Each structure stands twice: as C-alpha cells, then as structure tokens.
C-alpha cells in the first residue's frame, strides 16, 4: 500500500515497511541487525519504486505448452550514492535483470557548509534518452547530495529519474523538486524537519555509520 502525498512523491505505508523502519530508528539495534533490516527495507522500497518500469509482451513455453508473458523493456540504471547507498543497490540488484547498469556516485557532505562534495563518479559519455535511473541514498536530508547526483544524469539528457530513500526531510524534498520537478521520490517516511546540523529529526542517525558499524 502506498500513499501519494504529491504528484512525484510516494510514501510507502505498508505495515512491513513501517516495521522495518521502526527497527532502524531504534538506537539499540546493533549494526549487524541494522544492515540486515536495511537490506529488507531497501528491497521493499525498490520494489515499490520500480512500479514505473515498462514491459513488452513476450511468449514463453511452459512444460505444458505456450503462454503469454512480459519482459522488462527499459534501459535501467542503478546509481547508489556512496557509501550508504550500497545497501539499497544490493537489494535493487536482486529484483532487476542482470542487464541493468550500475554507476556509483561518490558524494560527501561538508559538515560546515552542508554542501555536497563530489569525490567519485564514472559515468558514460551518453545514455539512451529513455533510460530510467534510480538514484539510491538512505537519507534525503538537505537535498544537496541528491541534487548533485541528479545533475550528473540530467547533464546526460536523462529525464526519467527516481530517487529512493528510507527517510526524507521536507526541506530536502522541496529543494529537489524546486530544481528538478520531474524527479520521482519514493520513501518510507517524511520526517519533521532538519536540525541545525542538517540531520533529519527524528531520523535514525547516520545511516552509513550504522550500516557499516563505524
């Protein structure tokens, strides 16, 4: 079950998704459990986000006889924002055919200015115009990292971009949609606000640190 709160914003209110999210919020959840639960939540959110994939009709032979079916027809790109986005990418790759491309985007936040700093990206010179890109990052906080990643694919002429995250702050959603109104966002929760340090409240802490136990 998904509740759409805006034309390009989906908040997944499925009870299992919300159960996983609650476990991740709990500061007593150890890192080993946090990672396992994060993968489960990632799988559910990726599944929901990929509802917009298109398919074409295809025939197949079962052990009994011919049957009608479908196969995915999109050029799919998975783009995790390092490092926390790797857990989402791991789950997403379980769902989609191995022909999907994976491009890693290295961004970190300057804790003083809260601006995104790029330290790695290895993208092709061009992508098919009808590519569907899924940018994966557990937290949409200020929106700086998300916008920087979106800009990379926007520069390649891609317009079908979907951002998938565990949590989003209203400030981050606004910033993304002010610059890229066509970008879709799928999340498990829109939290209250950002604090003075740019962290989501109530949030779940630093997702990367908790996933990797650092």
N, C-alpha and C. Protein backbone atom coordinates (compact mmCIF):
# COMPACT_ATOMS: atom_id res chain seq x y z
N UNK A 1 0.85 -1.19 0.00
CA UNK A 1 0.00 0.00 0.00
C UNK A 1 0.88 1.24 0.00
N UNK A 2 0.55 2.18 -0.84
CA UNK A 2 1.33 3.40 -0.95
C UNK A 2 0.42 4.61 -0.91
N UNK A 3 0.79 5.60 -0.15
CA UNK A 3 0.06 6.85 -0.11
C UNK A 3 0.83 7.89 -0.89
N UNK A 4 0.21 8.49 -1.90
CA UNK A 4 0.84 9.55 -2.66
C UNK A 4 0.48 10.89 -2.04
N UNK A 5 1.48 11.60 -1.53
CA UNK A 5 1.22 12.89 -0.90
C UNK A 5 1.49 14.04 -1.85
N UNK A 6 2.07 13.75 -3.00
CA UNK A 6 2.28 14.76 -4.03
C UNK A 6 2.44 14.00 -5.34
N UNK A 7 2.37 14.74 -6.45
CA UNK A 7 2.38 14.07 -7.74
C UNK A 7 3.64 13.24 -7.95
N UNK A 8 4.77 13.69 -7.45
CA UNK A 8 6.02 12.96 -7.63
C UNK A 8 6.63 12.51 -6.31
N UNK A 9 5.80 12.29 -5.31
CA UNK A 9 6.26 11.81 -4.01
C UNK A 9 5.39 10.65 -3.57
N UNK A 10 6.03 9.51 -3.29
CA UNK A 10 5.33 8.34 -2.78
C UNK A 10 5.87 8.01 -1.40
N UNK A 11 4.97 7.89 -0.42
CA UNK A 11 5.34 7.45 0.93
C UNK A 11 4.74 6.07 1.12
N UNK A 12 5.59 5.09 1.28
CA UNK A 12 5.14 3.70 1.39
C UNK A 12 4.71 3.43 2.83
N UNK A 13 3.42 3.20 3.05
CA UNK A 13 2.92 2.99 4.40
C UNK A 13 2.59 1.53 4.68
N UNK A 14 3.14 0.62 3.88
CA UNK A 14 2.92 -0.80 4.12
C UNK A 14 3.38 -1.15 5.54
N UNK A 15 2.61 -1.93 6.29
CA UNK A 15 2.98 -2.21 7.68
C UNK A 15 4.34 -2.88 7.83
N UNK A 16 4.75 -3.72 6.88
CA UNK A 16 6.06 -4.35 6.99
C UNK A 16 7.16 -3.31 6.80
N UNK A 17 6.96 -2.41 5.85
CA UNK A 17 7.93 -1.32 5.64
C UNK A 17 8.07 -0.49 6.91
N UNK A 18 6.93 -0.15 7.51
CA UNK A 18 6.97 0.67 8.72
C UNK A 18 7.59 -0.08 9.89
N UNK A 19 7.39 -1.39 9.95
CA UNK A 19 8.04 -2.21 10.98
C UNK A 19 9.56 -2.15 10.82
N UNK A 20 10.03 -2.35 9.59
CA UNK A 20 11.48 -2.28 9.35
C UNK A 20 12.03 -0.90 9.73
N UNK A 21 11.31 0.14 9.34
CA UNK A 21 11.77 1.49 9.63
C UNK A 21 11.87 1.73 11.13
N UNK A 22 10.90 1.26 11.87
CA UNK A 22 10.92 1.44 13.33
C UNK A 22 12.14 0.75 13.93
N UNK A 23 12.47 -0.45 13.43
CA UNK A 23 13.65 -1.15 13.93
C UNK A 23 14.93 -0.36 13.61
N UNK A 24 14.97 0.27 12.45
CA UNK A 24 16.15 1.05 12.09
C UNK A 24 16.27 2.32 12.93
N UNK A 25 15.16 2.89 13.29
CA UNK A 25 15.21 4.12 14.11
C UNK A 25 15.75 3.83 15.51
N UNK A 26 15.50 2.63 16.03
CA UNK A 26 15.86 2.29 17.41
C UNK A 26 17.38 2.32 17.59
N UNK A 27 17.86 3.17 18.47
CA UNK A 27 19.30 3.31 18.66
C UNK A 27 19.93 2.07 19.27
N UNK A 28 19.11 1.17 19.81
CA UNK A 28 19.63 -0.05 20.41
C UNK A 28 19.82 -1.19 19.38
N UNK A 29 19.37 -0.98 18.15
CA UNK A 29 19.55 -2.00 17.12
C UNK A 29 21.02 -2.09 16.76
N UNK A 30 21.67 -3.23 16.98
CA UNK A 30 23.11 -3.34 16.68
C UNK A 30 23.37 -3.29 15.18
N UNK A 31 24.62 -2.98 14.83
CA UNK A 31 24.98 -2.79 13.43
C UNK A 31 24.67 -4.01 12.57
N UNK A 32 24.95 -5.22 13.09
CA UNK A 32 24.71 -6.42 12.28
C UNK A 32 23.23 -6.58 11.95
N UNK A 33 22.35 -6.27 12.92
CA UNK A 33 20.91 -6.32 12.67
C UNK A 33 20.47 -5.16 11.80
N UNK A 34 21.07 -3.99 12.03
CA UNK A 34 20.72 -2.80 11.26
C UNK A 34 20.93 -3.05 9.77
N UNK A 35 22.06 -3.64 9.41
CA UNK A 35 22.34 -3.89 8.00
C UNK A 35 21.35 -4.88 7.41
N UNK A 36 21.05 -5.94 8.14
CA UNK A 36 20.11 -6.95 7.65
C UNK A 36 18.73 -6.35 7.43
N UNK A 37 18.27 -5.54 8.39
CA UNK A 37 16.96 -4.91 8.28
C UNK A 37 16.96 -3.86 7.17
N UNK A 38 18.08 -3.15 7.04
CA UNK A 38 18.19 -2.12 6.00
C UNK A 38 18.07 -2.75 4.61
N UNK A 39 18.63 -3.93 4.42
CA UNK A 39 18.51 -4.61 3.13
C UNK A 39 17.05 -5.00 2.87
N UNK A 40 16.37 -5.47 3.91
CA UNK A 40 14.95 -5.84 3.75
C UNK A 40 14.11 -4.61 3.40
N UNK A 41 14.36 -3.50 4.07
CA UNK A 41 13.64 -2.27 3.77
C UNK A 41 13.98 -1.78 2.37
N UNK A 42 15.24 -1.87 1.99
CA UNK A 42 15.67 -1.45 0.66
C UNK A 42 14.95 -2.24 -0.42
N UNK A 43 14.83 -3.53 -0.21
CA UNK A 43 14.17 -4.39 -1.19
C UNK A 43 12.71 -3.98 -1.38
N UNK A 44 12.03 -3.70 -0.27
CA UNK A 44 10.62 -3.31 -0.34
C UNK A 44 10.46 -1.97 -1.04
N UNK A 45 11.32 -1.00 -0.73
CA UNK A 45 11.20 0.32 -1.35
C UNK A 45 11.58 0.29 -2.82
N UNK A 46 12.60 -0.50 -3.17
CA UNK A 46 12.97 -0.61 -4.58
C UNK A 46 11.85 -1.25 -5.38
N UNK A 47 11.24 -2.27 -4.81
CA UNK A 47 10.10 -2.94 -5.46
C UNK A 47 8.99 -1.93 -5.73
N UNK A 48 8.71 -1.09 -4.74
CA UNK A 48 7.65 -0.09 -4.89
C UNK A 48 8.03 0.96 -5.94
N UNK A 49 9.27 1.42 -5.89
CA UNK A 49 9.71 2.46 -6.83
C UNK A 49 9.68 1.97 -8.26
N UNK A 50 9.96 0.68 -8.46
CA UNK A 50 10.05 0.14 -9.81
C UNK A 50 8.72 -0.23 -10.43
N UNK A 51 7.64 0.19 -9.79
CA UNK A 51 6.33 0.05 -10.41
C UNK A 51 6.25 0.79 -11.74
N UNK A 52 7.10 1.80 -11.92
CA UNK A 52 7.03 2.60 -13.16
C UNK A 52 7.83 1.99 -14.31
N UNK A 53 8.42 0.80 -14.10
CA UNK A 53 9.09 0.13 -15.21
C UNK A 53 8.05 -0.32 -16.25
N UNK A 54 8.46 -0.34 -17.49
CA UNK A 54 7.56 -0.79 -18.55
C UNK A 54 8.02 -2.15 -19.07
N UNK A 55 7.08 -2.86 -19.67
CA UNK A 55 7.36 -4.20 -20.17
C UNK A 55 6.69 -4.37 -21.53
N UNK A 56 7.20 -5.33 -22.28
CA UNK A 56 6.59 -5.67 -23.57
C UNK A 56 6.14 -7.13 -23.53
N UNK A 57 5.18 -7.43 -24.37
CA UNK A 57 4.65 -8.78 -24.40
C UNK A 57 5.70 -9.75 -24.95
N UNK A 58 5.70 -10.95 -24.41
CA UNK A 58 6.63 -11.97 -24.87
C UNK A 58 6.00 -13.34 -24.64
N UNK A 59 6.26 -14.24 -25.55
CA UNK A 59 5.77 -15.60 -25.41
C UNK A 59 6.80 -16.48 -24.73
N UNK A 60 6.32 -17.52 -24.08
CA UNK A 60 7.21 -18.43 -23.39
C UNK A 60 6.60 -19.83 -23.43
N UNK A 61 7.46 -20.85 -23.43
CA UNK A 61 6.98 -22.22 -23.40
C UNK A 61 7.09 -22.77 -21.99
N UNK A 62 5.97 -23.15 -21.42
CA UNK A 62 5.98 -23.82 -20.12
C UNK A 62 6.14 -25.33 -20.36
N UNK A 63 6.31 -26.13 -19.32
CA UNK A 63 6.37 -27.58 -19.52
C UNK A 63 5.09 -28.16 -20.11
N UNK A 64 4.02 -27.38 -20.06
CA UNK A 64 2.73 -27.86 -20.57
C UNK A 64 2.42 -27.32 -21.96
N UNK A 65 2.83 -26.09 -22.23
CA UNK A 65 2.51 -25.51 -23.52
C UNK A 65 2.86 -24.03 -23.55
N UNK A 66 2.50 -23.32 -24.64
CA UNK A 66 2.82 -21.90 -24.78
C UNK A 66 2.00 -21.04 -23.83
N UNK A 67 2.61 -19.92 -23.39
CA UNK A 67 1.93 -18.97 -22.51
C UNK A 67 2.35 -17.56 -22.89
N UNK A 68 1.46 -16.62 -22.63
CA UNK A 68 1.78 -15.21 -22.85
C UNK A 68 2.41 -14.64 -21.58
N UNK A 69 3.37 -13.78 -21.78
CA UNK A 69 4.02 -13.14 -20.64
C UNK A 69 4.57 -11.78 -21.04
N UNK A 70 5.38 -11.22 -20.18
CA UNK A 70 6.01 -9.93 -20.46
C UNK A 70 7.47 -9.99 -20.03
N UNK A 71 8.27 -9.13 -20.63
CA UNK A 71 9.66 -8.94 -20.22
C UNK A 71 9.91 -7.44 -20.09
N UNK A 72 10.79 -7.07 -19.18
CA UNK A 72 11.10 -5.66 -18.99
C UNK A 72 11.76 -5.10 -20.24
N UNK A 73 11.38 -3.90 -20.60
CA UNK A 73 11.89 -3.31 -21.84
C UNK A 73 12.68 -2.02 -21.62
N UNK A 74 12.80 -1.56 -20.38
CA UNK A 74 13.51 -0.31 -20.11
C UNK A 74 15.03 -0.52 -20.03
N UNK A 75 15.75 0.54 -20.33
CA UNK A 75 17.18 0.61 -20.07
C UNK A 75 17.33 1.12 -18.65
N UNK A 76 17.66 0.22 -17.71
CA UNK A 76 17.63 0.55 -16.29
C UNK A 76 19.04 0.85 -15.78
N UNK A 77 19.14 1.94 -15.02
CA UNK A 77 20.40 2.33 -14.39
C UNK A 77 20.18 2.43 -12.88
N UNK A 78 21.03 1.78 -12.13
CA UNK A 78 21.03 1.88 -10.67
C UNK A 78 22.21 2.76 -10.28
N UNK A 79 21.95 3.80 -9.50
CA UNK A 79 23.01 4.74 -9.14
C UNK A 79 23.03 4.97 -7.63
N UNK A 80 23.76 4.13 -6.90
CA UNK A 80 23.87 4.34 -5.45
C UNK A 80 24.84 5.48 -5.13
N UNK A 81 24.45 6.30 -4.17
CA UNK A 81 25.35 7.34 -3.68
C UNK A 81 26.19 6.70 -2.57
N UNK A 82 27.51 6.69 -2.77
CA UNK A 82 28.41 6.07 -1.81
C UNK A 82 28.44 6.86 -0.51
N UNK A 83 28.56 6.14 0.62
CA UNK A 83 28.69 4.70 0.68
C UNK A 83 27.38 4.03 1.10
N UNK A 84 26.52 4.80 1.78
CA UNK A 84 25.31 4.21 2.36
C UNK A 84 24.35 3.68 1.30
N UNK A 85 24.40 4.24 0.09
CA UNK A 85 23.51 3.80 -0.96
C UNK A 85 23.79 2.39 -1.44
N UNK A 86 24.94 1.83 -1.05
CA UNK A 86 25.29 0.48 -1.49
C UNK A 86 24.31 -0.55 -0.99
N UNK A 87 23.75 -0.35 0.20
CA UNK A 87 22.81 -1.33 0.74
C UNK A 87 21.53 -1.34 -0.09
N UNK A 88 21.10 -0.20 -0.56
CA UNK A 88 19.94 -0.12 -1.46
C UNK A 88 20.24 -0.77 -2.80
N UNK A 89 21.46 -0.55 -3.30
CA UNK A 89 21.83 -1.12 -4.58
C UNK A 89 21.88 -2.64 -4.51
N UNK A 90 22.38 -3.17 -3.41
CA UNK A 90 22.44 -4.62 -3.23
C UNK A 90 21.05 -5.23 -3.32
N UNK A 91 20.08 -4.58 -2.68
CA UNK A 91 18.71 -5.08 -2.72
C UNK A 91 18.08 -4.89 -4.09
N UNK A 92 18.31 -3.74 -4.71
CA UNK A 92 17.70 -3.46 -6.02
C UNK A 92 18.19 -4.44 -7.07
N UNK A 93 19.45 -4.82 -7.00
CA UNK A 93 20.01 -5.74 -8.00
C UNK A 93 19.42 -7.14 -7.88
N UNK A 94 18.84 -7.46 -6.73
CA UNK A 94 18.18 -8.75 -6.59
C UNK A 94 16.86 -8.78 -7.35
N UNK A 95 16.30 -7.60 -7.63
CA UNK A 95 14.98 -7.53 -8.24
C UNK A 95 15.01 -7.42 -9.75
N UNK A 96 16.04 -6.82 -10.29
CA UNK A 96 16.03 -6.48 -11.71
C UNK A 96 16.98 -7.39 -12.48
N UNK A 97 16.81 -7.50 -13.81
CA UNK A 97 17.67 -8.36 -14.61
C UNK A 97 19.13 -7.92 -14.53
N UNK A 98 20.06 -8.85 -14.73
CA UNK A 98 21.48 -8.51 -14.64
C UNK A 98 21.95 -7.56 -15.73
N UNK A 99 21.09 -7.27 -16.70
CA UNK A 99 21.47 -6.32 -17.75
C UNK A 99 21.43 -4.88 -17.28
N UNK A 100 20.86 -4.62 -16.11
CA UNK A 100 20.81 -3.25 -15.59
C UNK A 100 22.23 -2.74 -15.33
N UNK A 101 22.44 -1.48 -15.60
CA UNK A 101 23.75 -0.87 -15.37
C UNK A 101 23.81 -0.31 -13.96
N UNK A 102 24.99 -0.36 -13.35
CA UNK A 102 25.20 0.20 -12.02
C UNK A 102 26.33 1.22 -12.11
N UNK A 103 26.01 2.47 -11.77
CA UNK A 103 27.00 3.54 -11.77
C UNK A 103 27.06 4.13 -10.37
N UNK A 104 28.23 4.07 -9.75
CA UNK A 104 28.41 4.57 -8.39
C UNK A 104 28.73 6.07 -8.43
N UNK A 105 28.14 6.79 -7.48
CA UNK A 105 28.35 8.22 -7.37
C UNK A 105 28.89 8.52 -5.98
N UNK A 106 30.10 9.06 -5.91
CA UNK A 106 30.72 9.36 -4.63
C UNK A 106 30.50 10.81 -4.25
N UNK A 107 29.71 11.03 -3.20
CA UNK A 107 29.45 12.37 -2.70
C UNK A 107 29.54 12.36 -1.18
N UNK A 108 30.07 13.41 -0.62
CA UNK A 108 30.08 13.55 0.83
C UNK A 108 29.68 14.97 1.19
N UNK A 109 29.17 15.13 2.42
CA UNK A 109 28.69 16.43 2.82
C UNK A 109 29.73 17.16 3.65
N UNK A 110 30.01 18.40 3.27
CA UNK A 110 30.85 19.27 4.10
C UNK A 110 30.05 19.63 5.34
N UNK A 111 30.50 19.18 6.50
CA UNK A 111 29.72 19.38 7.71
C UNK A 111 29.63 20.85 8.14
N UNK A 112 30.51 21.69 7.61
CA UNK A 112 30.46 23.11 7.94
C UNK A 112 29.47 23.85 7.06
N UNK A 113 29.52 23.59 5.74
CA UNK A 113 28.65 24.32 4.81
C UNK A 113 27.40 23.54 4.44
N UNK A 114 27.40 22.21 4.74
CA UNK A 114 26.30 21.29 4.38
C UNK A 114 26.17 21.11 2.87
N UNK A 115 27.21 21.50 2.11
CA UNK A 115 27.19 21.35 0.66
C UNK A 115 27.78 19.99 0.27
N UNK A 116 27.30 19.46 -0.85
CA UNK A 116 27.78 18.17 -1.33
C UNK A 116 29.11 18.34 -2.06
N UNK A 117 30.07 17.45 -1.76
CA UNK A 117 31.37 17.46 -2.40
C UNK A 117 31.51 16.16 -3.18
N UNK A 118 31.80 16.25 -4.46
CA UNK A 118 31.96 15.06 -5.30
C UNK A 118 33.40 14.56 -5.19
N UNK A 119 33.56 13.25 -4.95
CA UNK A 119 34.89 12.68 -4.93
C UNK A 119 35.01 11.48 -5.88
N UNK A 120 33.89 11.06 -6.49
CA UNK A 120 33.97 9.95 -7.44
C UNK A 120 32.71 9.89 -8.28
N UNK A 121 32.89 9.73 -9.58
CA UNK A 121 31.79 9.39 -10.48
C UNK A 121 32.41 8.95 -11.79
N UNK A 122 31.96 7.81 -12.26
CA UNK A 122 32.47 7.27 -13.52
C UNK A 122 31.27 6.90 -14.37
N UNK A 123 30.79 7.89 -15.11
CA UNK A 123 29.60 7.71 -15.92
C UNK A 123 29.98 7.67 -17.40
N UNK A 124 29.13 7.08 -18.23
CA UNK A 124 29.39 7.08 -19.67
C UNK A 124 29.22 8.48 -20.25
N UNK A 125 29.68 8.65 -21.46
CA UNK A 125 29.54 9.94 -22.13
C UNK A 125 28.09 10.22 -22.49
N UNK A 126 27.31 9.16 -22.67
CA UNK A 126 25.90 9.33 -23.00
C UNK A 126 25.12 8.12 -22.52
N UNK A 127 23.82 8.32 -22.34
CA UNK A 127 22.89 7.25 -22.01
C UNK A 127 21.70 7.36 -22.96
N UNK A 128 21.01 6.25 -23.25
CA UNK A 128 19.81 6.35 -24.07
C UNK A 128 18.84 7.36 -23.46
N UNK A 129 18.20 8.14 -24.31
CA UNK A 129 17.33 9.22 -23.83
C UNK A 129 16.19 8.70 -22.96
N UNK A 130 15.76 7.46 -23.19
CA UNK A 130 14.63 6.93 -22.44
C UNK A 130 15.08 6.07 -21.25
N UNK A 131 16.33 6.21 -20.83
CA UNK A 131 16.82 5.46 -19.67
C UNK A 131 16.00 5.80 -18.43
N UNK A 132 15.87 4.81 -17.54
CA UNK A 132 15.27 5.05 -16.23
C UNK A 132 16.36 4.88 -15.18
N UNK A 133 16.62 5.95 -14.48
CA UNK A 133 17.70 5.98 -13.49
C UNK A 133 17.12 5.99 -12.09
N UNK A 134 17.59 5.08 -11.25
CA UNK A 134 17.18 5.01 -9.86
C UNK A 134 18.37 5.41 -8.99
N UNK A 135 18.27 6.61 -8.41
CA UNK A 135 19.32 7.11 -7.51
C UNK A 135 18.98 6.64 -6.10
N UNK A 136 19.94 6.01 -5.45
CA UNK A 136 19.68 5.34 -4.18
C UNK A 136 20.52 5.96 -3.07
N UNK A 137 19.85 6.45 -2.03
CA UNK A 137 20.54 7.03 -0.88
C UNK A 137 19.58 6.94 0.31
N UNK A 138 19.98 6.34 1.43
CA UNK A 138 19.04 6.17 2.54
C UNK A 138 18.39 7.45 3.04
N UNK A 139 19.14 8.57 3.02
CA UNK A 139 18.62 9.78 3.63
C UNK A 139 18.54 10.93 2.63
N UNK A 140 17.37 11.52 2.51
CA UNK A 140 17.21 12.77 1.76
C UNK A 140 17.05 13.86 2.81
N UNK A 141 18.15 14.50 3.14
CA UNK A 141 18.17 15.50 4.21
C UNK A 141 18.11 16.91 3.62
N UNK A 142 19.26 17.53 3.41
CA UNK A 142 19.26 18.88 2.83
C UNK A 142 18.93 18.85 1.34
N UNK A 143 19.17 17.72 0.71
CA UNK A 143 18.94 17.60 -0.74
C UNK A 143 20.17 17.92 -1.56
N UNK A 144 21.26 18.31 -0.90
CA UNK A 144 22.46 18.68 -1.64
C UNK A 144 23.07 17.52 -2.42
N UNK A 145 23.24 16.38 -1.76
CA UNK A 145 23.82 15.21 -2.42
C UNK A 145 22.88 14.68 -3.51
N UNK A 146 21.59 14.65 -3.21
CA UNK A 146 20.63 14.17 -4.19
C UNK A 146 20.64 15.03 -5.44
N UNK A 147 20.62 16.35 -5.26
CA UNK A 147 20.63 17.24 -6.42
C UNK A 147 21.92 17.11 -7.22
N UNK A 148 23.03 16.92 -6.53
CA UNK A 148 24.30 16.76 -7.24
C UNK A 148 24.29 15.49 -8.08
N UNK A 149 23.73 14.41 -7.53
CA UNK A 149 23.65 13.16 -8.29
C UNK A 149 22.67 13.28 -9.45
N UNK A 150 21.54 13.90 -9.20
CA UNK A 150 20.55 14.09 -10.26
C UNK A 150 21.15 14.92 -11.40
N UNK A 151 21.91 15.95 -11.04
CA UNK A 151 22.51 16.83 -12.05
C UNK A 151 23.42 16.06 -12.99
N UNK A 152 24.14 15.06 -12.46
CA UNK A 152 25.04 14.27 -13.30
C UNK A 152 24.27 13.58 -14.43
N UNK A 153 23.11 13.02 -14.09
CA UNK A 153 22.32 12.32 -15.10
C UNK A 153 21.50 13.29 -15.95
N UNK A 154 21.10 14.40 -15.36
CA UNK A 154 20.43 15.45 -16.14
C UNK A 154 21.35 15.95 -17.24
N UNK A 155 22.64 16.07 -16.93
CA UNK A 155 23.61 16.53 -17.92
C UNK A 155 23.76 15.55 -19.08
N UNK A 156 23.38 14.30 -18.87
CA UNK A 156 23.43 13.28 -19.92
C UNK A 156 22.11 13.21 -20.69
N UNK A 157 21.18 14.10 -20.38
CA UNK A 157 19.92 14.15 -21.09
C UNK A 157 18.85 13.22 -20.57
N UNK A 158 19.07 12.62 -19.40
CA UNK A 158 18.09 11.70 -18.83
C UNK A 158 17.02 12.48 -18.07
N UNK A 159 15.75 12.14 -18.32
CA UNK A 159 14.66 12.83 -17.64
C UNK A 159 13.81 11.90 -16.77
N UNK A 160 14.01 10.59 -16.90
CA UNK A 160 13.27 9.64 -16.08
C UNK A 160 14.15 9.22 -14.91
N UNK A 161 14.07 10.00 -13.85
CA UNK A 161 14.93 9.80 -12.69
C UNK A 161 14.07 9.59 -11.46
N UNK A 162 14.41 8.59 -10.66
CA UNK A 162 13.64 8.23 -9.47
C UNK A 162 14.60 8.15 -8.30
N UNK A 163 14.32 8.88 -7.25
CA UNK A 163 15.14 8.89 -6.03
C UNK A 163 14.47 8.00 -4.99
N UNK A 164 15.23 7.04 -4.45
CA UNK A 164 14.70 6.10 -3.46
C UNK A 164 15.47 6.27 -2.17
N UNK A 165 14.75 6.47 -1.05
CA UNK A 165 15.40 6.72 0.23
C UNK A 165 14.56 6.16 1.37
N UNK A 166 15.22 5.88 2.50
CA UNK A 166 14.50 5.43 3.69
C UNK A 166 13.66 6.56 4.28
N UNK A 167 14.31 7.70 4.42
CA UNK A 167 13.68 8.87 5.07
C UNK A 167 13.91 10.12 4.24
N UNK A 168 12.98 11.05 4.35
CA UNK A 168 13.13 12.34 3.67
C UNK A 168 12.70 13.46 4.60
N UNK A 169 13.39 14.57 4.52
CA UNK A 169 13.01 15.78 5.24
C UNK A 169 12.25 16.69 4.28
N UNK A 170 11.27 17.45 4.77
CA UNK A 170 10.54 18.37 3.89
C UNK A 170 11.46 19.33 3.15
N UNK A 171 12.53 19.77 3.83
CA UNK A 171 13.45 20.70 3.20
C UNK A 171 14.15 20.06 2.00
N UNK A 172 14.52 18.78 2.14
CA UNK A 172 15.18 18.11 1.04
C UNK A 172 14.26 17.87 -0.14
N UNK A 173 13.02 17.46 0.16
CA UNK A 173 12.04 17.25 -0.91
C UNK A 173 11.81 18.54 -1.68
N UNK A 174 11.65 19.63 -0.95
CA UNK A 174 11.41 20.93 -1.58
C UNK A 174 12.58 21.33 -2.47
N UNK A 175 13.79 21.13 -1.97
CA UNK A 175 14.97 21.53 -2.73
C UNK A 175 15.10 20.71 -4.02
N UNK A 176 14.84 19.42 -3.94
CA UNK A 176 14.92 18.58 -5.13
C UNK A 176 13.87 19.00 -6.16
N UNK A 177 12.63 19.17 -5.70
CA UNK A 177 11.55 19.46 -6.64
C UNK A 177 11.56 20.89 -7.14
N UNK A 178 12.21 21.79 -6.43
CA UNK A 178 12.37 23.15 -6.96
C UNK A 178 13.29 23.15 -8.18
N UNK A 179 14.32 22.31 -8.15
CA UNK A 179 15.27 22.29 -9.26
C UNK A 179 14.91 21.24 -10.30
N UNK A 180 14.38 20.10 -9.84
CA UNK A 180 14.05 19.00 -10.75
C UNK A 180 12.63 18.52 -10.45
N UNK A 181 11.62 19.26 -10.87
CA UNK A 181 10.24 18.91 -10.53
C UNK A 181 9.77 17.58 -11.09
N UNK A 182 10.46 17.06 -12.10
CA UNK A 182 10.04 15.80 -12.74
C UNK A 182 10.57 14.58 -12.00
N UNK A 183 11.47 14.74 -11.06
CA UNK A 183 12.07 13.60 -10.36
C UNK A 183 11.07 13.00 -9.38
N UNK A 184 10.92 11.69 -9.44
CA UNK A 184 10.04 10.99 -8.50
C UNK A 184 10.83 10.61 -7.25
N UNK A 185 10.15 10.64 -6.12
CA UNK A 185 10.77 10.27 -4.84
C UNK A 185 9.92 9.19 -4.18
N UNK A 186 10.55 8.10 -3.79
CA UNK A 186 9.88 7.07 -3.01
C UNK A 186 10.60 6.95 -1.68
N UNK A 187 9.85 6.99 -0.58
CA UNK A 187 10.44 6.94 0.75
C UNK A 187 9.50 6.22 1.70
N UNK A 188 10.03 5.83 2.84
CA UNK A 188 9.20 5.19 3.87
C UNK A 188 8.60 6.21 4.82
N UNK A 189 9.16 7.42 4.87
CA UNK A 189 8.64 8.44 5.79
C UNK A 189 9.14 9.82 5.41
N UNK A 190 8.26 10.80 5.57
CA UNK A 190 8.67 12.20 5.53
C UNK A 190 8.69 12.67 6.97
N UNK A 191 9.89 12.92 7.49
CA UNK A 191 10.03 13.28 8.90
C UNK A 191 9.76 14.76 9.14
N UNK A 192 9.97 15.19 10.37
CA UNK A 192 9.55 16.53 10.79
C UNK A 192 10.35 17.65 10.16
N UNK A 193 11.68 17.63 10.36
CA UNK A 193 12.49 18.76 9.91
C UNK A 193 13.97 18.41 10.02
N UNK A 194 14.81 19.34 9.63
CA UNK A 194 16.25 19.22 9.83
C UNK A 194 16.68 20.02 11.05
N UNK A 195 17.64 19.48 11.80
CA UNK A 195 18.16 20.26 12.92
C UNK A 195 19.25 21.20 12.43
N UNK A 196 19.89 21.91 13.36
CA UNK A 196 20.87 22.92 12.98
C UNK A 196 22.11 22.31 12.32
N UNK A 197 22.30 21.01 12.48
CA UNK A 197 23.44 20.33 11.86
C UNK A 197 23.07 19.67 10.53
N UNK A 198 21.83 19.84 10.10
CA UNK A 198 21.39 19.27 8.84
C UNK A 198 21.02 17.81 8.92
N UNK A 199 20.75 17.31 10.13
CA UNK A 199 20.31 15.93 10.30
C UNK A 199 18.79 15.86 10.41
N UNK A 200 18.22 14.77 9.87
CA UNK A 200 16.77 14.59 9.89
C UNK A 200 16.30 14.30 11.31
N UNK A 201 15.21 14.98 11.71
CA UNK A 201 14.59 14.77 13.02
C UNK A 201 13.21 14.16 12.82
N UNK A 202 12.86 13.01 13.47
CA UNK A 202 13.70 12.26 14.41
C UNK A 202 14.74 11.39 13.74
N UNK A 203 14.57 11.05 12.47
CA UNK A 203 15.59 10.34 11.71
C UNK A 203 15.95 8.98 12.27
N UNK A 204 17.18 8.56 11.98
CA UNK A 204 17.69 7.30 12.50
C UNK A 204 19.20 7.35 12.73
N UNK A 205 19.74 8.57 12.77
CA UNK A 205 21.18 8.72 12.92
C UNK A 205 21.88 8.69 11.58
N UNK A 206 23.17 8.46 11.60
CA UNK A 206 23.97 8.39 10.38
C UNK A 206 23.82 6.99 9.79
N UNK A 207 23.12 6.87 8.68
CA UNK A 207 22.82 5.55 8.10
C UNK A 207 24.10 4.81 7.73
N UNK A 208 25.06 5.50 7.15
CA UNK A 208 26.30 4.84 6.76
C UNK A 208 27.05 4.27 7.93
N UNK A 209 27.18 5.06 8.99
CA UNK A 209 27.88 4.59 10.18
C UNK A 209 27.18 3.38 10.79
N UNK A 210 25.86 3.41 10.80
CA UNK A 210 25.13 2.31 11.43
C UNK A 210 25.12 1.06 10.54
N UNK A 211 25.11 1.24 9.23
CA UNK A 211 25.16 0.08 8.33
C UNK A 211 26.51 -0.61 8.42
N UNK A 212 27.59 0.16 8.44
CA UNK A 212 28.93 -0.41 8.37
C UNK A 212 29.62 -0.50 9.73
N UNK A 213 28.92 -0.09 10.79
CA UNK A 213 29.47 -0.23 12.14
C UNK A 213 30.67 0.64 12.42
N UNK A 214 30.69 1.84 11.81
CA UNK A 214 31.83 2.75 12.00
C UNK A 214 31.44 3.90 12.91
